Amino acid sequence: MGTVWHAEDLHETRDVALKIILVEEEDPVQEAAFRREAQVAARLSHPNVVSVRDHGAADLDGRQILFLAMDLVLGRPLNTLTGRPLPIAQALTWAIHISQALKAAHRRGIIHRDLKPSNILLDQASGNTAKLCDFGIARLAEATHHTLTVTGVAIGTPAYMSPEQARGDTTLGAPSDLYSLGCLLHELLTGHVPFTGTGWQVLSQHLNDAPAPLSALRPGVPRELEQLVLELLDKHPDRRPTAADTLTRLTRLHTALAAFADAPTATAPRHPSTLVATATSAGAAILHRWPGARGTTVRAAGLTAAAITGALSLTTTLPMPWTTGLGILAGLLLAALYLLDPPQPPHPGQLKITTAALMTLLLLIGGAALTVLVTDFSRWATALTISVLGGPAVVACASGVRRLVEYTLHRTAWYGDLATTAAALQTATVLLAAHHAGLSPRTLITVGAVLWPATALLTAALTPRRTRDDSPAPTRTGTPNSGVAPGRGLPSPRATLHQHPSRN
């Protein structure tokens, strides 16, 4: 729309944010868009909306300009904190602020139409309160006969567009903003928007694809919150909750989360829709254990034991007690490692491979090197090569298989890691039997490259992602801090109109 300056209002003796747009010659649409922004925004007065103080036209250095004077918000835009999952309590707090702003706007018949993190400012002066700004492409809901767009033209930001906005509908209503809020809330909780790709790919996904459930992307998200996000992202506008309803539900969730965090102890809730809290603590450890994760581990261990027992029975002459014993031993190893390394709440810099997976893969590499030495000691150079290069190579392959499971079956990193490790044990057993059958190393590598990802996908598909009583029984110590530490503000010295412009 133009440039935004930190300026001084000489009449009111206060600092303001001054948006300026140069009026292009013979471009009435641009001028009308800016004037409409001023008229719409001036109608809003709310603590979670950046207030418009003045607007008009002026001459600057011989050029005609339009200006919009707004409250100066010293802080940062919300998009400076996106790209990583935020604490659930903090995400709820900011979603509540935006819902309050939308509720006030929709009551006045104002539709924002471009709700996104860069249009939300965190006011440092009011404790990082989220404030909605830039109604540059907003429109009055009752003024559908007067529009600056034409049918079939989509205006907005693709990642946050509602399906009706992606189609280019000009009769957008309040549900369009609620869909964008769903995209925003999804991003705050998972670190990324529901749909990614090029502009046209994203628009097509908004129209046709269902978003992945939050539980598949971040374990520990309250089920009520997951359901609310899915309802906000409904393809049909009439089925989405209103801003008032969304505000009520978010407030209820935030209150329940705060009560959970303040409780001295916590036990596993029995009702399946009970709030699941992910709390963080400064200087204290918080252990989250999911019964569903334990059930998944046991199921994957059982599948591994059965697969190894069957493979050894079909490909070797070992007696049944031996094959059964080896299969059970492998299953117990997998279960023990993953029960000792349960899924943790997502955080920036999270390891790409769990300790359990790393230990299992290193055991397989060590076993392979030891087998070569025991079989023929003169091949010590081969054993050494396996020991030195085998680890990094297998870990790299495991990362690729894990990502395949994550993106194909929409599983979390921990579940994908579990399926990848189980498949590694199963594949190693088959390759060992094939080696004794006399297959060449090249053939073994080819078989392993196909069998490992296929077995991982099959194991993940046969392993439940969640169970009905998949509710946590967290044990906490210390005093939780459900929010994020306020970031440093963006101080700006008093400036005149001709200094330090920033693009908006």
Foldseek 3Di string as FASTA:
>chain_A
DAWWDFAADPVVGHTWIKGKDFDDPPDVLLVVLVVQQQVLQCVDDDPQAWHWDDWDWDADPNTIMIMITTHDAWFAFQVVVFQAAFFPLALLQQLLSVLVRLVRSVVQQKDQLADDRRQWGQRVVVPGHTHGYDSSQIDRLVVLVDHSFDAQDADYQLLQFALCSLRRDSNDHQLRVLSSSLQRSLRNHQRHGQDDDDSVRSSVCNQDNQGDQVCQRWPQAQPLVSVLSSQSSDNDSVSHDGSVVVSVSSVVLSVLQVVVQPDQFFFWDDALRDHGHDFAFDPWDKDKAWPFQLQLLLLLLVVLLVLQLVLCVVLHPDDSVVSNVVSNVSSVLLSVLDVVFDDHGTDPPDDLATPSLLVLQLVLLLVVLVVVCVVPVVVNVVSVCSNPVVSVVVVVLLSVLLVCLCVVVVHYSSLSNSLLSSLVSSLSSNLVSVVVVPDDPVVSVVCSSVRRSVSSNVSSVSGDRGDSSRTIRMGTDHRTDSRDDRDDIDDDDHDHPPDDIDRD
